[in-house]
N, C-alpha and C. Protein backbone atom coordinates (compact mmCIF):
# COMPACT_ATOMS: atom_id res chain seq x y z
N UNK A 1 151.75 205.50 146.55
CA UNK A 1 150.78 205.82 145.54
C UNK A 1 150.33 207.25 145.79
N UNK A 2 150.43 208.09 144.78
CA UNK A 2 150.06 209.48 144.94
C UNK A 2 148.55 209.63 144.89
N UNK A 3 148.10 210.81 145.25
CA UNK A 3 146.66 211.08 145.28
C UNK A 3 146.06 210.98 143.88
N UNK A 4 146.76 211.48 142.88
CA UNK A 4 146.26 211.40 141.50
C UNK A 4 146.15 209.96 141.02
N UNK A 5 147.14 209.14 141.37
CA UNK A 5 147.10 207.72 140.99
C UNK A 5 145.92 207.03 141.66
N UNK A 6 145.70 207.36 142.91
CA UNK A 6 144.61 206.75 143.65
C UNK A 6 143.25 207.13 143.04
N UNK A 7 143.09 208.40 142.67
CA UNK A 7 141.84 208.86 142.07
C UNK A 7 141.61 208.17 140.72
N UNK A 8 142.65 208.03 139.91
CA UNK A 8 142.50 207.35 138.61
C UNK A 8 142.13 205.89 138.81
N UNK A 9 142.73 205.25 139.79
CA UNK A 9 142.42 203.86 140.08
C UNK A 9 140.97 203.70 140.54
N UNK A 10 140.53 204.58 141.42
CA UNK A 10 139.14 204.53 141.88
C UNK A 10 138.17 204.76 140.73
N UNK A 11 138.48 205.71 139.82
CA UNK A 11 137.62 205.94 138.65
C UNK A 11 137.52 204.70 137.78
N UNK A 12 138.66 204.04 137.56
CA UNK A 12 138.65 202.82 136.73
C UNK A 12 137.83 201.72 137.40
N UNK A 13 137.95 201.57 138.71
CA UNK A 13 137.20 200.54 139.42
C UNK A 13 135.71 200.84 139.33
N UNK A 14 135.32 202.11 139.53
CA UNK A 14 133.90 202.46 139.42
C UNK A 14 133.37 202.19 138.01
N UNK A 15 134.18 202.52 137.01
CA UNK A 15 133.76 202.30 135.63
C UNK A 15 133.57 200.80 135.35
N UNK A 16 134.48 199.99 135.85
CA UNK A 16 134.36 198.54 135.65
C UNK A 16 133.13 198.01 136.35
N UNK A 17 132.86 198.50 137.56
CA UNK A 17 131.68 198.05 138.30
C UNK A 17 130.40 198.44 137.57
N UNK A 18 130.37 199.65 137.00
CA UNK A 18 129.18 200.07 136.27
C UNK A 18 128.93 199.20 135.06
N UNK A 19 129.98 198.90 134.31
CA UNK A 19 129.79 198.07 133.12
C UNK A 19 129.42 196.65 133.48
N UNK A 20 129.92 196.16 134.61
CA UNK A 20 129.55 194.81 135.04
C UNK A 20 128.14 194.77 135.60
N UNK A 21 127.65 195.89 136.13
CA UNK A 21 126.33 195.92 136.73
C UNK A 21 125.22 195.95 135.67
N UNK A 22 125.54 196.39 134.47
CA UNK A 22 124.50 196.43 133.43
C UNK A 22 124.20 195.02 132.97
N UNK A 23 122.91 194.68 132.90
CA UNK A 23 122.55 193.32 132.50
C UNK A 23 122.88 193.07 131.03
N UNK A 24 123.43 191.93 130.80
CA UNK A 24 123.77 191.55 129.43
C UNK A 24 122.89 190.36 129.06
N UNK A 25 122.10 190.55 128.07
CA UNK A 25 121.25 189.47 127.61
C UNK A 25 121.81 188.93 126.31
N UNK A 26 121.99 187.64 126.28
CA UNK A 26 122.45 187.00 125.07
C UNK A 26 121.31 186.21 124.48
N UNK A 27 121.14 186.30 123.20
CA UNK A 27 120.10 185.49 122.58
C UNK A 27 120.38 184.01 122.80
N UNK A 28 119.32 183.24 122.98
CA UNK A 28 119.49 181.82 123.27
C UNK A 28 120.18 181.08 122.14
N UNK A 29 120.12 181.62 120.94
CA UNK A 29 120.77 180.95 119.81
C UNK A 29 122.29 181.05 119.88
N UNK A 30 122.82 182.11 120.54
CA UNK A 30 124.27 182.25 120.63
C UNK A 30 124.84 181.51 121.82
N UNK A 31 124.00 181.17 122.80
CA UNK A 31 124.47 180.43 123.97
C UNK A 31 124.58 178.97 123.58
N UNK A 32 125.78 178.41 123.77
CA UNK A 32 125.96 177.00 123.44
C UNK A 32 126.74 176.32 124.54
N UNK A 33 126.64 175.04 124.57
CA UNK A 33 127.35 174.27 125.60
C UNK A 33 128.84 174.31 125.33
N UNK A 34 129.63 174.34 126.40
CA UNK A 34 131.07 174.30 126.21
C UNK A 34 131.47 172.98 125.54
N UNK A 35 132.52 173.05 124.82
CA UNK A 35 132.98 171.85 124.10
C UNK A 35 133.50 170.83 125.10
N UNK A 36 133.03 169.58 125.00
CA UNK A 36 133.44 168.56 125.98
C UNK A 36 134.94 168.29 125.98
N UNK A 37 135.57 168.34 124.81
CA UNK A 37 137.01 168.08 124.78
C UNK A 37 137.79 169.19 125.46
N UNK A 38 137.31 170.43 125.36
CA UNK A 38 137.98 171.53 126.06
C UNK A 38 137.81 171.38 127.57
N UNK A 39 136.61 170.97 127.99
CA UNK A 39 136.38 170.76 129.42
C UNK A 39 137.26 169.65 129.95
N UNK A 40 137.37 168.58 129.20
CA UNK A 40 138.21 167.46 129.64
C UNK A 40 139.67 167.88 129.73
N UNK A 41 140.12 168.66 128.75
CA UNK A 41 141.51 169.14 128.77
C UNK A 41 141.74 170.03 129.99
N UNK A 42 140.76 170.87 130.30
CA UNK A 42 140.90 171.73 131.47
C UNK A 42 140.89 170.92 132.77
N UNK A 43 140.05 169.89 132.83
CA UNK A 43 140.03 169.04 134.03
C UNK A 43 141.35 168.34 134.22
N UNK A 44 141.95 167.87 133.12
CA UNK A 44 143.26 167.20 133.21
C UNK A 44 144.31 168.18 133.69
N UNK A 45 144.24 169.40 133.15
CA UNK A 45 145.24 170.41 133.54
C UNK A 45 145.08 170.80 135.01
N UNK A 46 143.84 170.96 135.45
CA UNK A 46 143.59 171.31 136.86
C UNK A 46 144.07 170.18 137.77
N UNK A 47 143.82 168.94 137.38
CA UNK A 47 144.28 167.80 138.19
C UNK A 47 145.80 167.80 138.29
N UNK A 48 146.47 168.10 137.17
CA UNK A 48 147.93 168.16 137.18
C UNK A 48 148.42 169.27 138.10
N UNK A 49 147.77 170.44 138.00
CA UNK A 49 148.17 171.56 138.86
C UNK A 49 147.92 171.25 140.33
N UNK A 50 146.84 170.53 140.63
CA UNK A 50 146.58 170.15 142.02
C UNK A 50 147.67 169.21 142.53
N UNK A 51 148.11 168.28 141.68
CA UNK A 51 149.20 167.38 142.11
C UNK A 51 150.48 168.16 142.34
N UNK A 52 150.77 169.13 141.47
CA UNK A 52 151.97 169.95 141.66
C UNK A 52 151.88 170.75 142.96
N UNK A 53 150.70 171.29 143.23
CA UNK A 53 150.51 172.07 144.45
C UNK A 53 150.69 171.20 145.69
N UNK A 54 150.14 169.99 145.66
CA UNK A 54 150.31 169.08 146.79
C UNK A 54 151.78 168.73 147.00
N UNK A 55 152.51 168.52 145.90
CA UNK A 55 153.94 168.25 146.00
C UNK A 55 154.68 169.42 146.60
N UNK A 56 154.32 170.63 146.19
CA UNK A 56 154.95 171.83 146.75
C UNK A 56 154.65 171.95 148.24
N UNK A 57 153.40 171.69 148.61
CA UNK A 57 153.04 171.77 150.03
C UNK A 57 153.82 170.74 150.84
N UNK A 58 153.96 169.54 150.32
CA UNK A 58 154.74 168.51 151.03
C UNK A 58 156.19 168.94 151.18
N UNK A 59 156.75 169.49 150.11
CA UNK A 59 158.14 169.93 150.15
C UNK A 59 158.34 171.04 151.17
N UNK A 60 157.42 172.00 151.19
CA UNK A 60 157.52 173.11 152.14
C UNK A 60 157.39 172.57 153.57
N UNK A 61 156.49 171.62 153.78
CA UNK A 61 156.32 171.03 155.12
C UNK A 61 157.59 170.31 155.56
N UNK A 62 158.17 169.50 154.67
CA UNK A 62 159.40 168.79 155.03
C UNK A 62 160.53 169.77 155.34
N UNK A 63 160.64 170.82 154.55
CA UNK A 63 161.69 171.81 154.78
C UNK A 63 161.48 172.54 156.09
N UNK A 64 160.23 172.87 156.42
CA UNK A 64 159.97 173.56 157.69
C UNK A 64 160.26 172.64 158.87
N UNK A 65 159.95 171.34 158.73
CA UNK A 65 160.28 170.38 159.79
C UNK A 65 161.79 170.28 159.96
N UNK A 66 162.51 170.26 158.85
CA UNK A 66 163.97 170.18 158.92
C UNK A 66 164.54 171.42 159.61
N UNK A 67 164.02 172.58 159.27
CA UNK A 67 164.50 173.82 159.89
C UNK A 67 164.15 173.85 161.38
N UNK A 68 162.96 173.36 161.73
CA UNK A 68 162.58 173.34 163.14
C UNK A 68 163.52 172.44 163.93
N UNK A 69 163.87 171.28 163.37
CA UNK A 69 164.79 170.37 164.06
C UNK A 69 166.18 171.01 164.19
N UNK A 70 166.62 171.69 163.15
CA UNK A 70 167.93 172.36 163.19
C UNK A 70 167.94 173.47 164.24
N UNK A 71 166.88 174.24 164.30
CA UNK A 71 166.79 175.32 165.29
C UNK A 71 166.76 174.75 166.71
N UNK A 72 166.02 173.66 166.89
CA UNK A 72 165.96 173.03 168.22
C UNK A 72 167.35 172.53 168.62
N UNK A 73 168.09 171.95 167.69
CA UNK A 73 169.44 171.46 168.00
C UNK A 73 170.37 172.62 168.35
N UNK A 74 170.26 173.72 167.62
CA UNK A 74 171.10 174.88 167.91
C UNK A 74 170.73 175.50 169.26
N UNK A 75 169.44 175.53 169.58
CA UNK A 75 169.03 176.07 170.87
C UNK A 75 169.54 175.19 172.02
N UNK A 76 169.55 173.88 171.79
CA UNK A 76 170.07 172.98 172.82
C UNK A 76 171.57 173.20 173.03
N UNK A 77 172.29 173.51 171.95
CA UNK A 77 173.74 173.73 172.06
C UNK A 77 174.07 175.02 172.78
N UNK A 78 173.24 176.05 172.63
CA UNK A 78 173.55 177.33 173.27
C UNK A 78 172.83 177.49 174.61
N UNK A 79 172.18 176.44 175.08
CA UNK A 79 171.59 176.46 176.41
C UNK A 79 172.71 176.68 177.42
N UNK A 80 172.53 177.57 178.39
CA UNK A 80 173.62 177.87 179.33
C UNK A 80 174.19 176.62 180.02
N UNK A 81 173.35 175.71 180.43
CA UNK A 81 173.85 174.51 181.11
C UNK A 81 174.66 173.65 180.14
N UNK A 82 174.15 173.49 178.92
CA UNK A 82 174.87 172.69 177.92
C UNK A 82 176.16 173.39 177.51
N UNK A 83 176.13 174.72 177.41
CA UNK A 83 177.33 175.47 177.05
C UNK A 83 178.39 175.34 178.14
N UNK A 84 177.96 175.43 179.40
CA UNK A 84 178.91 175.29 180.52
C UNK A 84 179.51 173.90 180.54
N UNK A 85 178.70 172.86 180.31
CA UNK A 85 179.22 171.50 180.30
C UNK A 85 180.21 171.31 179.15
N UNK A 86 179.91 171.87 177.99
CA UNK A 86 180.81 171.73 176.85
C UNK A 86 182.12 172.47 177.11
N UNK A 87 182.07 173.63 177.73
CA UNK A 87 183.30 174.38 178.04
C UNK A 87 184.13 173.64 179.09
N UNK A 88 183.46 173.05 180.09
CA UNK A 88 184.18 172.30 181.12
C UNK A 88 184.85 171.07 180.50
N UNK A 89 184.17 170.39 179.64
CA UNK A 89 184.74 169.20 178.97
C UNK A 89 185.93 169.60 178.12
N UNK A 90 185.79 170.73 177.39
CA UNK A 90 186.89 171.19 176.55
C UNK A 90 188.09 171.57 177.41
N UNK A 91 187.85 172.21 178.56
CA UNK A 91 188.95 172.59 179.46
C UNK A 91 189.63 171.35 179.99
N UNK A 92 188.88 170.30 180.33
CA UNK A 92 189.50 169.07 180.82
C UNK A 92 190.32 168.41 179.72
N UNK A 93 189.81 168.39 178.51
CA UNK A 93 190.54 167.79 177.41
C UNK A 93 191.83 168.52 177.10
N UNK A 94 191.86 169.81 177.29
CA UNK A 94 193.05 170.59 177.01
C UNK A 94 194.00 170.63 178.21
N UNK A 95 193.51 170.18 179.32
CA UNK A 95 194.34 170.17 180.53
C UNK A 95 194.43 171.52 181.20
N UNK A 96 193.42 172.32 181.04
CA UNK A 96 193.44 173.67 181.66
C UNK A 96 192.90 173.64 183.06
């Protein structure tokens, strides 16, 4: 990010903060309760997204467990003692 880009970004952030800092008063006649059907639809959607997120978390956990087991098995195979035993067994099988 160049210096000019950074300065423009900082100016925009300051401008947004200034506009957000100014109090906004809405007349009580324009303030109304959110529509119950919209709230219910949003609650259903959030519940669905939470279930999807939990499924994703479970899937990631299972995959990480599978990878950990695979890595442990590979580390056991390349252990010097295990490697020496496997080479000795192979040499005996080949008659060397």
